[in-house]
PDB file of N, CA and C in Angstrom:
ATOM      1  N   MET A   1      13.403  -7.849  -2.286  1.00  0.00           N
ATOM      2  CA  MET A   1      13.639  -9.111  -2.999  1.00  0.00           C
ATOM      3  C   MET A   1      15.128  -9.430  -3.016  1.00  0.00           C
ATOM      4  N   ASP A   2      15.947  -8.441  -3.317  1.00  0.00           N
ATOM      5  CA  ASP A   2      17.391  -8.679  -3.299  1.00  0.00           C
ATOM      6  C   ASP A   2      17.838  -9.120  -1.913  1.00  0.00           C
ATOM      7  N   ARG A   3      17.253  -8.492  -0.899  1.00  0.00           N
ATOM      8  CA  ARG A   3      17.636  -8.840   0.462  1.00  0.00           C
ATOM      9  C   ARG A   3      17.267 -10.292   0.774  1.00  0.00           C
ATOM     10  N   MET A   4      16.074 -10.728   0.342  1.00  0.00           N
ATOM     11  CA  MET A   4      15.660 -12.113   0.607  1.00  0.00           C
ATOM     12  C   MET A   4      16.570 -13.096  -0.113  1.00  0.00           C
ATOM     13  N   SER A   5      16.919 -12.823  -1.358  1.00  0.00           N
ATOM     14  CA  SER A   5      17.783 -13.742  -2.096  1.00  0.00           C
ATOM     15  C   SER A   5      19.160 -13.804  -1.439  1.00  0.00           C
ATOM     16  N   ALA A   6      19.633 -12.685  -0.937  1.00  0.00           N
ATOM     17  CA  ALA A   6      20.934 -12.670  -0.249  1.00  0.00           C
ATOM     18  C   ALA A   6      20.863 -13.516   1.015  1.00  0.00           C
ATOM     19  N   VAL A   7      19.768 -13.381   1.770  1.00  0.00           N
ATOM     20  CA  VAL A   7      19.610 -14.172   2.998  1.00  0.00           C
ATOM     21  C   VAL A   7      19.565 -15.657   2.662  1.00  0.00           C
ATOM     22  N   ASN A   8      18.796 -16.018   1.622  1.00  0.00           N
ATOM     23  CA  ASN A   8      18.704 -17.424   1.230  1.00  0.00           C
ATOM     24  C   ASN A   8      20.061 -17.955   0.805  1.00  0.00           C
ATOM     25  N   ARG A   9      20.828 -17.127   0.095  1.00  0.00           N
ATOM     26  CA  ARG A   9      22.149 -17.565  -0.356  1.00  0.00           C
ATOM     27  C   ARG A   9      23.070 -17.801   0.839  1.00  0.00           C
ATOM     28  N   ILE A  10      23.023 -16.884   1.813  1.00  0.00           N
ATOM     29  CA  ILE A  10      23.861 -17.049   3.015  1.00  0.00           C
ATOM     30  C   ILE A  10      23.447 -18.321   3.751  1.00  0.00           C
ATOM     31  N   LYS A  11      22.132 -18.567   3.844  1.00  0.00           N
ATOM     32  CA  LYS A  11      21.655 -19.773   4.528  1.00  0.00           C
ATOM     33  C   LYS A  11      22.172 -21.026   3.835  1.00  0.00           C
ATOM     34  N   SER A  12      22.073 -21.071   2.504  1.00  0.00           N
ATOM     35  CA  SER A  12      22.501 -22.274   1.781  1.00  0.00           C
ATOM     36  C   SER A  12      23.998 -22.475   1.947  1.00  0.00           C
ATOM     37  N   VAL A  13      24.774 -21.389   1.880  1.00  0.00           N
ATOM     38  CA  VAL A  13      26.224 -21.508   2.064  1.00  0.00           C
ATOM     39  C   VAL A  13      26.532 -22.002   3.472  1.00  0.00           C
ATOM     40  N   TYR A  14      25.811 -21.466   4.471  1.00  0.00           N
ATOM     41  CA  TYR A  14      26.056 -21.884   5.856  1.00  0.00           C
ATOM     42  C   TYR A  14      25.723 -23.364   6.030  1.00  0.00           C
ATOM     43  N   LEU A  15      24.584 -23.803   5.451  1.00  0.00           N
ATOM     44  CA  LEU A  15      24.200 -25.212   5.572  1.00  0.00           C
ATOM     45  C   LEU A  15      25.237 -26.099   4.903  1.00  0.00           C
ATOM     46  N   LEU A  16      25.711 -25.699   3.714  1.00  0.00           N
ATOM     47  CA  LEU A  16      26.715 -26.503   3.014  1.00  0.00           C
ATOM     48  C   LEU A  16      27.986 -26.589   3.833  1.00  0.00           C
ATOM     49  N   SER A  17      28.445 -25.456   4.373  1.00  0.00           N
ATOM     50  CA  SER A  17      29.703 -25.469   5.125  1.00  0.00           C
ATOM     51  C   SER A  17      29.557 -26.275   6.413  1.00  0.00           C
ATOM     52  N   SER A  18      28.393 -26.166   7.083  1.00  0.00           N
ATOM     53  CA  SER A  18      28.213 -26.918   8.327  1.00  0.00           C
ATOM     54  C   SER A  18      28.152 -28.415   8.029  1.00  0.00           C
ATOM     55  N   LYS A  19      27.474 -28.802   6.933  1.00  0.00           N
ATOM     56  CA  LYS A  19      27.428 -30.216   6.567  1.00  0.00           C
ATOM     57  C   LYS A  19      28.837 -30.696   6.241  1.00  0.00           C
ATOM     58  N   HIS A  20      29.600 -29.860   5.548  1.00  0.00           N
ATOM     59  CA  HIS A  20      30.962 -30.246   5.175  1.00  0.00           C
ATOM     60  C   HIS A  20      31.819 -30.437   6.421  1.00  0.00           C
ATOM     61  N   SER A  21      31.697 -29.539   7.386  1.00  0.00           N
ATOM     62  CA  SER A  21      32.506 -29.658   8.603  1.00  0.00           C
ATOM     63  C   SER A  21      32.086 -30.890   9.400  1.00  0.00           C
ATOM     64  N   ILE A  22      30.777 -31.215   9.394  1.00  0.00           N
ATOM     65  CA  ILE A  22      30.315 -32.423  10.083  1.00  0.00           C
ATOM     66  C   ILE A  22      30.914 -33.652   9.401  1.00  0.00           C
ATOM     67  N   ASP A  23      30.933 -33.659   8.071  1.00  0.00           N
ATOM     68  CA  ASP A  23      31.537 -34.779   7.348  1.00  0.00           C
ATOM     69  C   ASP A  23      33.007 -34.907   7.710  1.00  0.00           C
ATOM     70  N   ASN A  24      33.714 -33.776   7.791  1.00  0.00           N
ATOM     71  CA  ASN A  24      35.132 -33.815   8.151  1.00  0.00           C
ATOM     72  C   ASN A  24      35.311 -34.386   9.550  1.00  0.00           C
ATOM     73  N   MET A  25      34.454 -33.993  10.478  1.00  0.00           N
ATOM     74  CA  MET A  25      34.545 -34.521  11.840  1.00  0.00           C
ATOM     75  C   MET A  25      34.322 -36.033  11.827  1.00  0.00           C
ATOM     76  N   GLY A  26      33.363 -36.493  11.059  1.00  0.00           N
ATOM     77  CA  GLY A  26      33.092 -37.920  10.971  1.00  0.00           C
ATOM     78  C   GLY A  26      34.296 -38.674  10.428  1.00  0.00           C
ATOM     79  N   HIS A  27      34.933 -38.109   9.396  1.00  0.00           N
ATOM     80  CA  HIS A  27      36.100 -38.769   8.825  1.00  0.00           C
ATOM     81  C   HIS A  27      37.238 -38.806   9.834  1.00  0.00           C
ATOM     82  N   LYS A  28      37.424 -37.714  10.578  1.00  0.00           N
ATOM     83  CA  LYS A  28      38.496 -37.680  11.579  1.00  0.00           C
ATOM     84  C   LYS A  28      38.236 -38.717  12.669  1.00  0.00           C
ATOM     85  N   MET A  29      36.982 -38.845  13.090  1.00  0.00           N
ATOM     86  CA  MET A  29      36.655 -39.838  14.115  1.00  0.00           C
ATOM     87  C   MET A  29      36.893 -41.250  13.578  1.00  0.00           C
ATOM     88  N   LEU A  30      36.487 -41.493  12.339  1.00  0.00           N
ATOM     89  CA  LEU A  30      36.722 -42.816  11.742  1.00  0.00           C
ATOM     90  C   LEU A  30      38.214 -43.100  11.674  1.00  0.00           C
ATOM     91  N   ASP A  31      39.002 -42.124  11.238  1.00  0.00           N
ATOM     92  CA  ASP A  31      40.456 -42.316  11.172  1.00  0.00           C
ATOM     93  C   ASP A  31      41.012 -42.626  12.551  1.00  0.00           C
ATOM     94  N   ALA A  32      40.549 -41.900  13.564  1.00  0.00           N
ATOM     95  CA  ALA A  32      41.062 -42.119  14.919  1.00  0.00           C
ATOM     96  C   ALA A  32      40.713 -43.529  15.391  1.00  0.00           C
ATOM     97  N   ILE A  33      39.493 -43.981  15.099  1.00  0.00           N
ATOM     98  CA  ILE A  33      39.081 -45.329  15.527  1.00  0.00           C
ATOM     99  C   ILE A  33      39.892 -46.388  14.786  1.00  0.00           C
ATOM    100  N   LEU A  34      40.081 -46.188  13.474  1.00  0.00           N
ATOM    101  CA  LEU A  34      40.805 -47.189  12.688  1.00  0.00           C
ATOM    102  C   LEU A  34      42.282 -47.231  13.065  1.00  0.00           C
ATOM    103  N   ASN A  35      42.855 -46.094  13.417  1.00  0.00           N
ATOM    104  CA  ASN A  35      44.281 -46.039  13.741  1.00  0.00           C
ATOM    105  C   ASN A  35      44.549 -46.337  15.201  1.00  0.00           C
ATOM    106  N   TYR A  36      43.506 -46.568  15.990  1.00  0.00           N
ATOM    107  CA  TYR A  36      43.675 -46.767  17.434  1.00  0.00           C
ATOM    108  C   TYR A  36      44.477 -48.029  17.707  1.00  0.00           C
TER     109      TYR A  36
END
């Protein structure tokens, strides 16, 4: 059970960080387009 909760926690952290990095990429692309 502890192992499953740890895996779920790692998954949620990974999903949050990947979504955050995708958002950052989107903002950088928007900035590049606006500043072009």
